[in-house]
């Protein structure tokens, strides 16, 4: 069985992420969307919240599972009994960054393969940081994230900053 892991922070999950998940679910027999815990990043949402937001939108994809991990991705791949990483690419700069990561993972484990999927053009400029910034400033992000994610973002920034977004 061809199984892949789609790792990321997903803080929060965007329509671009969901696009990659749906397309990856067609390519692979099993896709594990795995929320990462990166000690160098301070996420807005807890791992549990991020997993729940993803689960809300992949329930109909029977071959998609949502999980979380910390530590080295190559170690997590062994735990998942796969050697395939799925990554979405939006821009040339994404490719450069992801190419470096892919080569590093291959040095750490020669068996690891990274499969790149080009994000659909309508999501090519999206990233979670820009979305969080827009919401924190009162912007409308309804075209970038699902309604439940937008609601959670507004609640989070209203609570954190006391803004009426």
C-alpha atoms as a PDB file:
ATOM      1  CA  UNK A   1       0.000   0.000   0.000  1.00  0.00           C
ATOM      2  CA  UNK A   2       1.317   3.441  -0.910  1.00  0.00           C
ATOM      3  CA  UNK A   3       1.011   5.584   2.182  1.00  0.00           C
ATOM      4  CA  UNK A   4       2.222   9.163   2.575  1.00  0.00           C
ATOM      5  CA  UNK A   5       2.529  11.639   5.402  1.00  0.00           C
ATOM      6  CA  UNK A   6       1.558  15.275   4.819  1.00  0.00           C
ATOM      7  CA  UNK A   7       3.252  17.102   7.712  1.00  0.00           C
ATOM      8  CA  UNK A   8       2.757  20.717   8.671  1.00  0.00           C
ATOM      9  CA  UNK A   9       1.896  23.184  11.369  1.00  0.00           C
ATOM     10  CA  UNK A  10      -1.585  23.857   9.943  1.00  0.00           C
ATOM     11  CA  UNK A  11      -1.911  26.916  12.201  1.00  0.00           C
ATOM     12  CA  UNK A  12      -4.629  27.173  11.005  1.00  0.00           C
ATOM     13  CA  UNK A  13      -5.575  24.854   8.170  1.00  0.00           C
ATOM     14  CA  UNK A  14      -6.301  26.836   4.990  1.00  0.00           C
ATOM     15  CA  UNK A  15      -8.189  26.105   1.796  1.00  0.00           C
ATOM     16  CA  UNK A  16      -4.767  25.595   0.209  1.00  0.00           C
ATOM     17  CA  UNK A  17      -3.913  22.861   2.722  1.00  0.00           C
ATOM     18  CA  UNK A  18      -7.292  21.232   2.142  1.00  0.00           C
ATOM     19  CA  UNK A  19      -6.677  21.321  -1.606  1.00  0.00           C
ATOM     20  CA  UNK A  20      -3.383  19.446  -1.171  1.00  0.00           C
ATOM     21  CA  UNK A  21      -5.042  16.948   1.187  1.00  0.00           C
ATOM     22  CA  UNK A  22      -7.873  16.201  -1.259  1.00  0.00           C
ATOM     23  CA  UNK A  23      -5.491  15.831  -4.167  1.00  0.00           C
ATOM     24  CA  UNK A  24      -3.079  13.718  -2.108  1.00  0.00           C
ATOM     25  CA  UNK A  25      -5.936  11.430  -1.097  1.00  0.00           C
ATOM     26  CA  UNK A  26      -6.403  10.593  -4.786  1.00  0.00           C
ATOM     27  CA  UNK A  27      -2.695   9.907  -5.362  1.00  0.00           C
ATOM     28  CA  UNK A  28      -2.077   7.723  -2.299  1.00  0.00           C
ATOM     29  CA  UNK A  29      -3.992   4.772  -0.908  1.00  0.00           C
ATOM     30  CA  UNK A  30      -3.547   6.225   2.592  1.00  0.00           C
ATOM     31  CA  UNK A  31      -2.665   9.785   3.598  1.00  0.00           C
ATOM     32  CA  UNK A  32      -1.742  10.783   7.138  1.00  0.00           C
ATOM     33  CA  UNK A  33      -2.101  14.523   7.730  1.00  0.00           C
ATOM     34  CA  UNK A  34       0.184  15.110  10.669  1.00  0.00           C
ATOM     35  CA  UNK A  35       0.210  18.254  12.774  1.00  0.00           C
ATOM     36  CA  UNK A  36       3.741  19.052  13.843  1.00  0.00           C
ATOM     37  CA  UNK A  37       5.028  20.363  17.131  1.00  0.00           C
ATOM     38  CA  UNK A  38       7.988  22.573  16.302  1.00  0.00           C
ATOM     39  CA  UNK A  39       9.833  23.989  19.343  1.00  0.00           C
ATOM     40  CA  UNK A  40      11.054  26.888  17.183  1.00  0.00           C
ATOM     41  CA  UNK A  41       7.502  28.039  16.413  1.00  0.00           C
ATOM     42  CA  UNK A  42       4.804  29.278  18.745  1.00  0.00           C
ATOM     43  CA  UNK A  43       1.450  28.305  17.239  1.00  0.00           C
ATOM     44  CA  UNK A  44      -1.742  30.260  17.792  1.00  0.00           C
ATOM     45  CA  UNK A  45      -3.813  27.084  18.172  1.00  0.00           C
ATOM     46  CA  UNK A  46      -3.108  23.973  20.235  1.00  0.00           C
ATOM     47  CA  UNK A  47      -2.251  20.714  18.488  1.00  0.00           C
ATOM     48  CA  UNK A  48      -5.686  19.384  19.465  1.00  0.00           C
ATOM     49  CA  UNK A  49      -7.450  22.427  17.974  1.00  0.00           C
ATOM     50  CA  UNK A  50      -5.469  22.160  14.740  1.00  0.00           C
ATOM     51  CA  UNK A  51      -6.227  18.452  14.454  1.00  0.00           C
ATOM     52  CA  UNK A  52      -9.921  19.083  15.062  1.00  0.00           C
ATOM     53  CA  UNK A  53     -10.061  21.825  12.420  1.00  0.00           C
ATOM     54  CA  UNK A  54      -8.526  19.460   9.879  1.00  0.00           C
ATOM     55  CA  UNK A  55     -10.764  16.551  10.888  1.00  0.00           C
ATOM     56  CA  UNK A  56     -13.852  18.708  10.353  1.00  0.00           C
ATOM     57  CA  UNK A  57     -12.956  18.919   6.665  1.00  0.00           C
ATOM     58  CA  UNK A  58     -11.571  15.475   5.828  1.00  0.00           C
ATOM     59  CA  UNK A  59     -14.190  13.201   7.403  1.00  0.00           C
ATOM     60  CA  UNK A  60     -15.561  12.302   3.959  1.00  0.00           C
ATOM     61  CA  UNK A  61     -12.095  11.262   2.723  1.00  0.00           C
ATOM     62  CA  UNK A  62     -12.024   7.659   3.938  1.00  0.00           C
ATOM     63  CA  UNK A  63      -8.321   7.148   3.273  1.00  0.00           C
ATOM     64  CA  UNK A  64      -7.207  10.241   5.218  1.00  0.00           C
ATOM     65  CA  UNK A  65      -6.165  10.097   8.851  1.00  0.00           C
ATOM     66  CA  UNK A  66      -5.204  13.022  11.100  1.00  0.00           C
ATOM     67  CA  UNK A  67      -2.401  12.619  13.619  1.00  0.00           C
ATOM     68  CA  UNK A  68       0.321  14.663  15.304  1.00  0.00           C
ATOM     69  CA  UNK A  69       4.023  14.279  15.863  1.00  0.00           C
ATOM     70  CA  UNK A  70       7.001  15.865  17.532  1.00  0.00           C
ATOM     71  CA  UNK A  71      10.637  15.238  16.921  1.00  0.00           C
ATOM     72  CA  UNK A  72      12.247  14.244  13.667  1.00  0.00           C
ATOM     73  CA  UNK A  73       9.960  13.672  10.704  1.00  0.00           C
ATOM     74  CA  UNK A  74      12.106  10.768   9.488  1.00  0.00           C
ATOM     75  CA  UNK A  75      11.516   9.004  12.822  1.00  0.00           C
ATOM     76  CA  UNK A  76       7.790   9.628  12.563  1.00  0.00           C
ATOM     77  CA  UNK A  77       7.781   8.137   9.060  1.00  0.00           C
ATOM     78  CA  UNK A  78       9.215   4.900  10.496  1.00  0.00           C
ATOM     79  CA  UNK A  79       6.456   4.858  13.104  1.00  0.00           C
ATOM     80  CA  UNK A  80       3.897   5.290  10.311  1.00  0.00           C
ATOM     81  CA  UNK A  81       5.603   2.522   8.287  1.00  0.00           C
ATOM     82  CA  UNK A  82       6.101   4.678   5.210  1.00  0.00           C
ATOM     83  CA  UNK A  83       8.928   6.527   3.533  1.00  0.00           C
ATOM     84  CA  UNK A  84       6.857   9.044   1.546  1.00  0.00           C
ATOM     85  CA  UNK A  85       6.358  12.709   2.445  1.00  0.00           C
ATOM     86  CA  UNK A  86       3.752  14.800   0.619  1.00  0.00           C
ATOM     87  CA  UNK A  87       4.438  18.527   0.365  1.00  0.00           C
ATOM     88  CA  UNK A  88       2.527  21.332  -1.318  1.00  0.00           C
ATOM     89  CA  UNK A  89       4.437  23.879  -3.388  1.00  0.00           C
ATOM     90  CA  UNK A  90       3.070  27.378  -4.016  1.00  0.00           C
ATOM     91  CA  UNK A  91       6.007  29.337  -5.338  1.00  0.00           C
ATOM     92  CA  UNK A  92       9.600  29.017  -6.493  1.00  0.00           C
ATOM     93  CA  UNK A  93      10.771  30.076  -3.028  1.00  0.00           C
ATOM     94  CA  UNK A  94       8.676  27.247  -1.534  1.00  0.00           C
ATOM     95  CA  UNK A  95      10.392  24.831  -3.881  1.00  0.00           C
ATOM     96  CA  UNK A  96      13.850  26.000  -2.829  1.00  0.00           C
ATOM     97  CA  UNK A  97      12.983  25.613   0.862  1.00  0.00           C
ATOM     98  CA  UNK A  98      11.224  22.254   0.377  1.00  0.00           C
ATOM     99  CA  UNK A  99      14.042  20.982  -1.843  1.00  0.00           C
ATOM    100  CA  UNK A 100      16.527  21.638   0.987  1.00  0.00           C
ATOM    101  CA  UNK A 101      14.246  19.861   3.465  1.00  0.00           C
ATOM    102  CA  UNK A 102      13.792  16.904   1.125  1.00  0.00           C
ATOM    103  CA  UNK A 103      17.555  16.519   0.675  1.00  0.00           C
ATOM    104  CA  UNK A 104      18.141  16.812   4.429  1.00  0.00           C
ATOM    105  CA  UNK A 105      15.520  14.139   5.106  1.00  0.00           C
ATOM    106  CA  UNK A 106      17.146  11.890   2.519  1.00  0.00           C
ATOM    107  CA  UNK A 107      20.549  12.326   4.197  1.00  0.00           C
ATOM    108  CA  UNK A 108      18.945  11.399   7.520  1.00  0.00           C
ATOM    109  CA  UNK A 109      17.222   8.384   5.935  1.00  0.00           C
ATOM    110  CA  UNK A 110      18.172   7.241   2.411  1.00  0.00           C
ATOM    111  CA  UNK A 111      14.760   5.596   1.960  1.00  0.00           C
ATOM    112  CA  UNK A 112      12.741   8.813   2.325  1.00  0.00           C
ATOM    113  CA  UNK A 113      11.085  10.208  -0.797  1.00  0.00           C
ATOM    114  CA  UNK A 114       9.309  13.563  -1.007  1.00  0.00           C
ATOM    115  CA  UNK A 115       6.462  14.036  -3.463  1.00  0.00           C
ATOM    116  CA  UNK A 116       5.661  17.627  -4.393  1.00  0.00           C
ATOM    117  CA  UNK A 117       2.192  18.707  -5.457  1.00  0.00           C
ATOM    118  CA  UNK A 118       1.683  22.117  -6.993  1.00  0.00           C
ATOM    119  CA  UNK A 119      -1.006  24.025  -5.151  1.00  0.00           C
ATOM    120  CA  UNK A 120      -3.988  25.091  -7.230  1.00  0.00           C
ATOM    121  CA  UNK A 121      -3.427  28.593  -8.582  1.00  0.00           C
ATOM    122  CA  UNK A 122      -6.212  30.193  -6.518  1.00  0.00           C
ATOM    123  CA  UNK A 123      -4.290  29.213  -3.359  1.00  0.00           C
ATOM    124  CA  UNK A 124      -0.761  29.937  -4.575  1.00  0.00           C
ATOM    125  CA  UNK A 125      -0.331  33.033  -2.405  1.00  0.00           C
ATOM    126  CA  UNK A 126      -1.944  31.698   0.784  1.00  0.00           C
ATOM    127  CA  UNK A 127      -0.116  30.997   3.974  1.00  0.00           C
ATOM    128  CA  UNK A 128      -1.282  30.739   7.553  1.00  0.00           C
ATOM    129  CA  UNK A 129       0.847  33.659   8.750  1.00  0.00           C
ATOM    130  CA  UNK A 130      -0.743  36.102   6.298  1.00  0.00           C
ATOM    131  CA  UNK A 131      -4.201  34.863   7.213  1.00  0.00           C
ATOM    132  CA  UNK A 132      -3.559  35.323  10.946  1.00  0.00           C
ATOM    133  CA  UNK A 133      -2.191  38.803  10.312  1.00  0.00           C
ATOM    134  CA  UNK A 134      -5.230  39.768   8.234  1.00  0.00           C
ATOM    135  CA  UNK A 135      -7.666  38.553  10.899  1.00  0.00           C
ATOM    136  CA  UNK A 136      -5.719  40.295  13.664  1.00  0.00           C
ATOM    137  CA  UNK A 137      -6.195  43.552  11.743  1.00  0.00           C
ATOM    138  CA  UNK A 138      -9.907  42.963  11.187  1.00  0.00           C
ATOM    139  CA  UNK A 139      -9.628  41.605   7.634  1.00  0.00           C
ATOM    140  CA  UNK A 140     -12.060  39.254   5.924  1.00  0.00           C
ATOM    141  CA  UNK A 141     -10.451  35.866   5.228  1.00  0.00           C
ATOM    142  CA  UNK A 142     -13.598  33.957   4.286  1.00  0.00           C
ATOM    143  CA  UNK A 143     -12.239  33.099   0.847  1.00  0.00           C
ATOM    144  CA  UNK A 144      -9.037  31.628   2.305  1.00  0.00           C
ATOM    145  CA  UNK A 145     -10.257  29.374   5.115  1.00  0.00           C
ATOM    146  CA  UNK A 146     -13.410  27.371   5.872  1.00  0.00           C
ATOM    147  CA  UNK A 147     -16.108  29.205   7.897  1.00  0.00           C
ATOM    148  CA  UNK A 148     -15.413  27.301  11.135  1.00  0.00           C
ATOM    149  CA  UNK A 149     -11.711  28.153  10.920  1.00  0.00           C
ATOM    150  CA  UNK A 150     -12.499  31.819  10.288  1.00  0.00           C
ATOM    151  CA  UNK A 151     -14.794  31.823  13.328  1.00  0.00           C
ATOM    152  CA  UNK A 152     -12.070  30.300  15.517  1.00  0.00           C
ATOM    153  CA  UNK A 153      -9.526  32.830  14.255  1.00  0.00           C
ATOM    154  CA  UNK A 154     -11.847  35.722  15.067  1.00  0.00           C
ATOM    155  CA  UNK A 155     -12.527  34.286  18.526  1.00  0.00           C
ATOM    156  CA  UNK A 156      -8.829  33.796  19.167  1.00  0.00           C
ATOM    157  CA  UNK A 157      -7.881  37.345  18.193  1.00  0.00           C
ATOM    158  CA  UNK A 158     -10.845  38.858  19.987  1.00  0.00           C
ATOM    159  CA  UNK A 159      -9.705  37.060  23.127  1.00  0.00           C
ATOM    160  CA  UNK A 160      -5.981  37.755  22.708  1.00  0.00           C
ATOM    161  CA  UNK A 161      -6.164  41.360  21.523  1.00  0.00           C
ATOM    162  CA  UNK A 162      -9.629  42.429  22.670  1.00  0.00           C
ATOM    163  CA  UNK A 163     -10.575  43.385  19.107  1.00  0.00           C
ATOM    164  CA  UNK A 164     -14.025  43.077  17.620  1.00  0.00           C
ATOM    165  CA  UNK A 165     -13.108  41.220  14.438  1.00  0.00           C
END
